[in-house]
Amino acid sequence: MAELRKQISIFIPISDWRALRLEAVRLGIPITELCRRWMHPHMEELRSTAHPS
């Protein structure tokens, strides 16, 4: 069975959003996918060190 997912939202300066958008366009991917790729290594580290609640 697939793990449930939760959407997150963050507030960033417009200038940072524009930089993210331009990088996503350069790579030909949505901003969401760009963020997932950047978060992935850090999420792996968190999963390996996180304590269950």
PDB file of N, CA and C in Angstrom:
ATOM      1  N   MET A   1       0.846  -1.186   0.000  1.00  0.00           N
ATOM      2  CA  MET A   1       0.000   0.000   0.000  1.00  0.00           C
ATOM      3  C   MET A   1       0.891   1.250   0.000  1.00  0.00           C
ATOM      4  N   ALA A   2       0.546   2.214  -0.814  1.00  0.00           N
ATOM      5  CA  ALA A   2       1.343   3.442  -0.916  1.00  0.00           C
ATOM      6  C   ALA A   2       1.209   4.275   0.354  1.00  0.00           C
ATOM      7  N   GLU A   3       2.293   4.932   0.701  1.00  0.00           N
ATOM      8  CA  GLU A   3       2.286   5.810   1.873  1.00  0.00           C
ATOM      9  C   GLU A   3       1.423   7.041   1.598  1.00  0.00           C
ATOM     10  N   LEU A   4       0.667   7.465   2.584  1.00  0.00           N
ATOM     11  CA  LEU A   4      -0.130   8.680   2.451  1.00  0.00           C
ATOM     12  C   LEU A   4       0.783   9.877   2.234  1.00  0.00           C
ATOM     13  N   ARG A   5       0.279  10.879   1.562  1.00  0.00           N
ATOM     14  CA  ARG A   5       1.059  12.087   1.280  1.00  0.00           C
ATOM     15  C   ARG A   5       0.397  13.286   1.920  1.00  0.00           C
ATOM     16  N   LYS A   6       1.200  14.293   2.210  1.00  0.00           N
ATOM     17  CA  LYS A   6       0.730  15.547   2.797  1.00  0.00           C
ATOM     18  C   LYS A   6       1.341  16.696   2.005  1.00  0.00           C
ATOM     19  N   GLN A   7       0.521  17.636   1.605  1.00  0.00           N
ATOM     20  CA  GLN A   7       0.999  18.810   0.887  1.00  0.00           C
ATOM     21  C   GLN A   7       1.543  19.815   1.886  1.00  0.00           C
ATOM     22  N   ILE A   8       2.634  20.491   1.507  1.00  0.00           N
ATOM     23  CA  ILE A   8       3.188  21.545   2.340  1.00  0.00           C
ATOM     24  C   ILE A   8       3.215  22.842   1.548  1.00  0.00           C
ATOM     25  N   SER A   9       3.269  23.936   2.256  1.00  0.00           N
ATOM     26  CA  SER A   9       3.312  25.240   1.625  1.00  0.00           C
ATOM     27  C   SER A   9       4.321  26.095   2.385  1.00  0.00           C
ATOM     28  N   ILE A  10       5.103  26.865   1.655  1.00  0.00           N
ATOM     29  CA  ILE A  10       6.074  27.755   2.297  1.00  0.00           C
ATOM     30  C   ILE A  10       5.945  29.151   1.688  1.00  0.00           C
ATOM     31  N   PHE A  11       6.300  30.127   2.474  1.00  0.00           N
ATOM     32  CA  PHE A  11       6.339  31.505   1.995  1.00  0.00           C
ATOM     33  C   PHE A  11       7.792  31.893   1.794  1.00  0.00           C
ATOM     34  N   ILE A  12       8.113  32.350   0.595  1.00  0.00           N
ATOM     35  CA  ILE A  12       9.470  32.796   0.279  1.00  0.00           C
ATOM     36  C   ILE A  12       9.375  34.140  -0.436  1.00  0.00           C
ATOM     37  N   PRO A  13      10.452  34.898  -0.416  1.00  0.00           N
ATOM     38  CA  PRO A  13      10.435  36.168  -1.146  1.00  0.00           C
ATOM     39  C   PRO A  13      10.188  35.935  -2.645  1.00  0.00           C
ATOM     40  N   ILE A  14       9.522  36.878  -3.275  1.00  0.00           N
ATOM     41  CA  ILE A  14       9.234  36.783  -4.710  1.00  0.00           C
ATOM     42  C   ILE A  14      10.523  36.581  -5.507  1.00  0.00           C
ATOM     43  N   SER A  15      11.592  37.235  -5.103  1.00  0.00           N
ATOM     44  CA  SER A  15      12.852  37.083  -5.843  1.00  0.00           C
ATOM     45  C   SER A  15      13.349  35.634  -5.787  1.00  0.00           C
ATOM     46  N   ASP A  16      13.171  34.969  -4.649  1.00  0.00           N
ATOM     47  CA  ASP A  16      13.557  33.551  -4.542  1.00  0.00           C
ATOM     48  C   ASP A  16      12.639  32.687  -5.392  1.00  0.00           C
ATOM     49  N   TRP A  17      11.337  32.989  -5.381  1.00  0.00           N
ATOM     50  CA  TRP A  17      10.390  32.236  -6.196  1.00  0.00           C
ATOM     51  C   TRP A  17      10.744  32.362  -7.677  1.00  0.00           C
ATOM     52  N   ARG A  18      11.115  33.568  -8.096  1.00  0.00           N
ATOM     53  CA  ARG A  18      11.498  33.774  -9.502  1.00  0.00           C
ATOM     54  C   ARG A  18      12.735  32.948  -9.851  1.00  0.00           C
ATOM     55  N   ALA A  19      13.697  32.902  -8.941  1.00  0.00           N
ATOM     56  CA  ALA A  19      14.902  32.116  -9.183  1.00  0.00           C
ATOM     57  C   ALA A  19      14.550  30.624  -9.299  1.00  0.00           C
ATOM     58  N   LEU A  20      13.661  30.141  -8.424  1.00  0.00           N
ATOM     59  CA  LEU A  20      13.211  28.741  -8.503  1.00  0.00           C
ATOM     60  C   LEU A  20      12.504  28.481  -9.827  1.00  0.00           C
ATOM     61  N   ARG A  21      11.624  29.394 -10.205  1.00  0.00           N
ATOM     62  CA  ARG A  21      10.873  29.237 -11.449  1.00  0.00           C
ATOM     63  C   ARG A  21      11.813  29.181 -12.650  1.00  0.00           C
ATOM     64  N   LEU A  22      12.794  30.075 -12.685  1.00  0.00           N
ATOM     65  CA  LEU A  22      13.732  30.093 -13.810  1.00  0.00           C
ATOM     66  C   LEU A  22      14.554  28.807 -13.880  1.00  0.00           C
ATOM     67  N   GLU A  23      14.970  28.295 -12.728  1.00  0.00           N
ATOM     68  CA  GLU A  23      15.733  27.044 -12.715  1.00  0.00           C
ATOM     69  C   GLU A  23      14.854  25.882 -13.169  1.00  0.00           C
ATOM     70  N   ALA A  24      13.611  25.858 -12.720  1.00  0.00           N
ATOM     71  CA  ALA A  24      12.695  24.801 -13.143  1.00  0.00           C
ATOM     72  C   ALA A  24      12.460  24.863 -14.655  1.00  0.00           C
ATOM     73  N   VAL A  25      12.286  26.047 -15.179  1.00  0.00           N
ATOM     74  CA  VAL A  25      12.102  26.213 -16.626  1.00  0.00           C
ATOM     75  C   VAL A  25      13.357  25.746 -17.360  1.00  0.00           C
ATOM     76  N   ARG A  26      14.504  26.123 -16.863  1.00  0.00           N
ATOM     77  CA  ARG A  26      15.762  25.711 -17.495  1.00  0.00           C
ATOM     78  C   ARG A  26      15.863  24.197 -17.586  1.00  0.00           C
ATOM     79  N   LEU A  27      15.408  23.508 -16.516  1.00  0.00           N
ATOM     80  CA  LEU A  27      15.461  22.044 -16.477  1.00  0.00           C
ATOM     81  C   LEU A  27      14.254  21.393 -17.149  1.00  0.00           C
ATOM     82  N   GLY A  28      13.240  22.199 -17.466  1.00  0.00           N
ATOM     83  CA  GLY A  28      12.043  21.675 -18.108  1.00  0.00           C
ATOM     84  C   GLY A  28      11.169  20.841 -17.185  1.00  0.00           C
ATOM     85  N   ILE A  29      11.138  21.229 -15.887  1.00  0.00           N
ATOM     86  CA  ILE A  29      10.344  20.499 -14.897  1.00  0.00           C
ATOM     87  C   ILE A  29       9.521  21.489 -14.075  1.00  0.00           C
ATOM     88  N   PRO A  30       8.451  21.018 -13.428  1.00  0.00           N
ATOM     89  CA  PRO A  30       7.688  21.905 -12.544  1.00  0.00           C
ATOM     90  C   PRO A  30       8.507  22.298 -11.306  1.00  0.00           C
ATOM     91  N   ILE A  31       8.175  23.430 -10.716  1.00  0.00           N
ATOM     92  CA  ILE A  31       8.855  23.874  -9.489  1.00  0.00           C
ATOM     93  C   ILE A  31       8.745  22.812  -8.403  1.00  0.00           C
ATOM     94  N   THR A  32       7.588  22.163  -8.310  1.00  0.00           N
ATOM     95  CA  THR A  32       7.391  21.125  -7.291  1.00  0.00           C
ATOM     96  C   THR A  32       8.437  20.016  -7.433  1.00  0.00           C
ATOM     97  N   GLU A  33       8.682  19.586  -8.662  1.00  0.00           N
ATOM     98  CA  GLU A  33       9.672  18.526  -8.885  1.00  0.00           C
ATOM     99  C   GLU A  33      11.074  19.016  -8.544  1.00  0.00           C
ATOM    100  N   LEU A  34      11.380  20.248  -8.870  1.00  0.00           N
ATOM    101  CA  LEU A  34      12.679  20.813  -8.521  1.00  0.00           C
ATOM    102  C   LEU A  34      12.879  20.773  -7.008  1.00  0.00           C
ATOM    103  N   CYS A  35      11.863  21.195  -6.266  1.00  0.00           N
ATOM    104  CA  CYS A  35      11.944  21.191  -4.805  1.00  0.00           C
ATOM    105  C   CYS A  35      12.100  19.776  -4.263  1.00  0.00           C
ATOM    106  N   ARG A  36      11.346  18.829  -4.838  1.00  0.00           N
ATOM    107  CA  ARG A  36      11.489  17.427  -4.403  1.00  0.00           C
ATOM    108  C   ARG A  36      12.910  16.931  -4.603  1.00  0.00           C
ATOM    109  N   ARG A  37      13.491  17.232  -5.755  1.00  0.00           N
ATOM    110  CA  ARG A  37      14.863  16.785  -6.044  1.00  0.00           C
ATOM    111  C   ARG A  37      15.854  17.388  -5.052  1.00  0.00           C
ATOM    112  N   TRP A  38      15.671  18.665  -4.748  1.00  0.00           N
ATOM    113  CA  TRP A  38      16.590  19.319  -3.821  1.00  0.00           C
ATOM    114  C   TRP A  38      16.405  18.817  -2.397  1.00  0.00           C
ATOM    115  N   MET A  39      15.168  18.491  -2.030  1.00  0.00           N
ATOM    116  CA  MET A  39      14.886  18.015  -0.668  1.00  0.00           C
ATOM    117  C   MET A  39      15.295  16.559  -0.455  1.00  0.00           C
ATOM    118  N   HIS A  40      15.304  15.776  -1.513  1.00  0.00           N
ATOM    119  CA  HIS A  40      15.492  14.327  -1.392  1.00  0.00           C
ATOM    120  C   HIS A  40      16.687  13.905  -0.526  1.00  0.00           C
ATOM    121  N   PRO A  41      17.904  14.401  -0.783  1.00  0.00           N
ATOM    122  CA  PRO A  41      19.038  13.947   0.041  1.00  0.00           C
ATOM    123  C   PRO A  41      18.854  14.288   1.524  1.00  0.00           C
ATOM    124  N   HIS A  42      18.252  15.417   1.791  1.00  0.00           N
ATOM    125  CA  HIS A  42      18.046  15.832   3.181  1.00  0.00           C
ATOM    126  C   HIS A  42      16.949  14.998   3.845  1.00  0.00           C
ATOM    127  N   MET A  43      15.932  14.637   3.082  1.00  0.00           N
ATOM    128  CA  MET A  43      14.866  13.793   3.624  1.00  0.00           C
ATOM    129  C   MET A  43      15.408  12.401   3.946  1.00  0.00           C
ATOM    130  N   GLU A  44      16.288  11.879   3.097  1.00  0.00           N
ATOM    131  CA  GLU A  44      16.911  10.578   3.372  1.00  0.00           C
ATOM    132  C   GLU A  44      17.664  10.629   4.698  1.00  0.00           C
ATOM    133  N   GLU A  45      18.398  11.712   4.911  1.00  0.00           N
ATOM    134  CA  GLU A  45      19.152  11.877   6.153  1.00  0.00           C
ATOM    135  C   GLU A  45      18.194  11.981   7.347  1.00  0.00           C
ATOM    136  N   LEU A  46      17.135  12.757   7.204  1.00  0.00           N
ATOM    137  CA  LEU A  46      16.161  12.890   8.290  1.00  0.00           C
ATOM    138  C   LEU A  46      15.502  11.558   8.622  1.00  0.00           C
ATOM    139  N   ARG A  47      15.140  10.806   7.597  1.00  0.00           N
ATOM    140  CA  ARG A  47      14.501   9.507   7.833  1.00  0.00           C
ATOM    141  C   ARG A  47      15.424   8.567   8.596  1.00  0.00           C
ATOM    142  N   SER A  48      16.710   8.637   8.305  1.00  0.00           N
ATOM    143  CA  SER A  48      17.639   7.720   8.969  1.00  0.00           C
ATOM    144  C   SER A  48      17.954   8.121  10.408  1.00  0.00           C
ATOM    145  N   THR A  49      17.717   9.391  10.756  1.00  0.00           N
ATOM    146  CA  THR A  49      18.037   9.846  12.113  1.00  0.00           C
ATOM    147  C   THR A  49      16.808  10.190  12.941  1.00  0.00           C
ATOM    148  N   ALA A  50      15.640  10.259  12.297  1.00  0.00           N
ATOM    149  CA  ALA A  50      14.416  10.679  13.015  1.00  0.00           C
ATOM    150  C   ALA A  50      13.973   9.604  13.995  1.00  0.00           C
ATOM    151  N   HIS A  51      13.442  10.078  15.094  1.00  0.00           N
ATOM    152  CA  HIS A  51      12.881   9.178  16.092  1.00  0.00           C
ATOM    153  C   HIS A  51      11.383   9.102  15.879  1.00  0.00           C
ATOM    154  N   PRO A  52      10.817   7.884  15.961  1.00  0.00           N
ATOM    155  CA  PRO A  52       9.367   7.795  15.791  1.00  0.00           C
ATOM    156  C   PRO A  52       8.625   8.574  16.867  1.00  0.00           C
ATOM    157  N   SER A  53       7.491   9.163  16.505  1.00  0.00           N
ATOM    158  CA  SER A  53       6.699   9.945  17.474  1.00  0.00           C
ATOM    159  C   SER A  53       5.877   9.036  18.341  1.00  0.00           C
TER     160      SER A  53
END
